[in-house]
Protein backbone atom coordinates (compact mmCIF):
# COMPACT_ATOMS: atom_id res chain seq x y z
CA UNK A 1 14.23 10.22 65.61
CA UNK A 2 10.78 10.23 64.18
CA UNK A 3 10.39 9.01 60.60
CA UNK A 4 6.53 9.15 60.12
CA UNK A 5 3.39 9.90 61.83
CA UNK A 6 0.45 7.57 61.68
CA UNK A 7 -2.91 8.64 62.37
CA UNK A 8 -5.40 6.08 63.23
CA UNK A 9 -9.02 6.53 62.47
CA UNK A 10 -12.11 4.38 62.25
CA UNK A 11 -13.63 3.88 58.73
CA UNK A 12 -17.11 3.53 60.41
CA UNK A 13 -18.74 6.93 60.34
CA UNK A 14 -15.80 8.73 58.92
CA UNK A 15 -16.60 12.11 57.69
CA UNK A 16 -15.15 14.05 54.96
CA UNK A 17 -15.09 17.22 57.34
CA UNK A 18 -12.64 15.35 59.76
CA UNK A 19 -10.26 14.56 56.82
CA UNK A 20 -10.32 18.27 55.69
CA UNK A 21 -9.78 19.50 59.45
CA UNK A 22 -6.84 17.04 59.57
CA UNK A 23 -5.29 18.16 56.34
CA UNK A 24 -5.50 21.74 57.49
CA UNK A 25 -3.68 20.94 60.66
CA UNK A 26 -0.97 19.01 58.77
CA UNK A 27 -0.43 21.92 56.25
CA UNK A 28 0.32 24.21 59.08
CA UNK A 29 3.46 22.05 60.06
CA UNK A 30 5.51 21.25 56.90
CA UNK A 31 8.57 19.25 57.39
CA UNK A 32 10.39 16.12 56.85
CA UNK A 33 8.29 13.21 58.09
CA UNK A 34 5.82 11.16 56.31
CA UNK A 35 2.24 11.07 57.14
CA UNK A 36 0.20 7.75 56.97
CA UNK A 37 -3.55 7.37 57.76
CA UNK A 38 -4.37 4.01 59.20
CA UNK A 39 -8.27 3.20 58.50
CA UNK A 40 -9.61 0.37 60.70
CA UNK A 41 -12.56 -1.30 59.11
CA UNK A 42 -15.68 -2.50 60.86
CA UNK A 43 -14.28 -6.04 60.81
CA UNK A 44 -10.86 -4.98 62.43
CA UNK A 45 -8.73 -4.86 59.43
CA UNK A 46 -6.37 -2.04 59.09
CA UNK A 47 -5.53 -0.36 55.71
CA UNK A 48 -2.66 2.07 55.88
CA UNK A 49 -2.70 4.91 53.08
CA UNK A 50 0.34 7.22 52.70
CA UNK A 51 -0.76 10.83 52.49
CA UNK A 52 0.76 11.49 49.17
CA UNK A 53 3.84 13.80 49.10
CA UNK A 54 2.88 15.74 52.17
CA UNK A 55 5.45 15.86 54.99
CA UNK A 56 5.15 17.32 58.48
CA UNK A 57 7.50 18.42 61.34
CA UNK A 58 6.59 16.30 64.52
CA UNK A 59 6.14 18.92 67.34
CA UNK A 60 4.06 19.60 70.31
CA UNK A 61 2.06 22.08 68.19
CA UNK A 62 1.41 19.40 65.67
CA UNK A 63 0.13 17.16 68.19
CA UNK A 64 -1.87 19.96 69.91
CA UNK A 65 -3.71 20.37 66.56
CA UNK A 66 -4.48 16.74 65.92
CA UNK A 67 -5.32 15.28 69.17
CA UNK A 68 -8.64 17.34 69.77
CA UNK A 69 -9.75 16.00 66.30
CA UNK A 70 -8.80 12.38 66.40
CA UNK A 71 -8.04 11.72 70.04
CA UNK A 72 -4.82 11.51 71.78
CA UNK A 73 -4.37 7.75 71.31
CA UNK A 74 -4.90 8.03 67.60
CA UNK A 75 -1.68 9.86 66.75
CA UNK A 76 1.31 7.74 66.66
CA UNK A 77 4.96 8.88 66.25
CA UNK A 78 6.92 6.17 64.44
CA UNK A 79 10.59 6.10 64.15
CA UNK A 80 14.09 4.12 64.05
CA UNK A 81 13.91 3.84 67.78
CA UNK A 82 11.08 1.36 67.71
CA UNK A 83 12.82 -0.90 65.47
CA UNK A 84 15.70 -0.95 67.96
CA UNK A 85 13.39 -1.80 70.94
CA UNK A 86 13.89 1.65 72.35
CA UNK A 87 10.58 3.55 73.65
CA UNK A 88 9.21 6.07 71.32
CA UNK A 89 9.67 9.55 72.26
CA UNK A 90 6.27 11.52 73.03
CA UNK A 91 6.07 15.38 73.00
């Protein structure tokens, strides 16, 4: 069960056009899961920002849209299974 999607981005060199492209993909997949952007600063700190009221449906199509923009390892599906020590599902 996926509760939220975390998109990990480096704050260094982050361009506004990338954020617009990510938003466009997210808007094409409305659903029930919260979206967080996790920004990693130059000094290694992480800042998590919830993307307002936007919710998405986790799917292969969503991942196929996000991964070319941000990289395969930058999209994380987070759910109740993680807290129970069960491996996360991957689409």
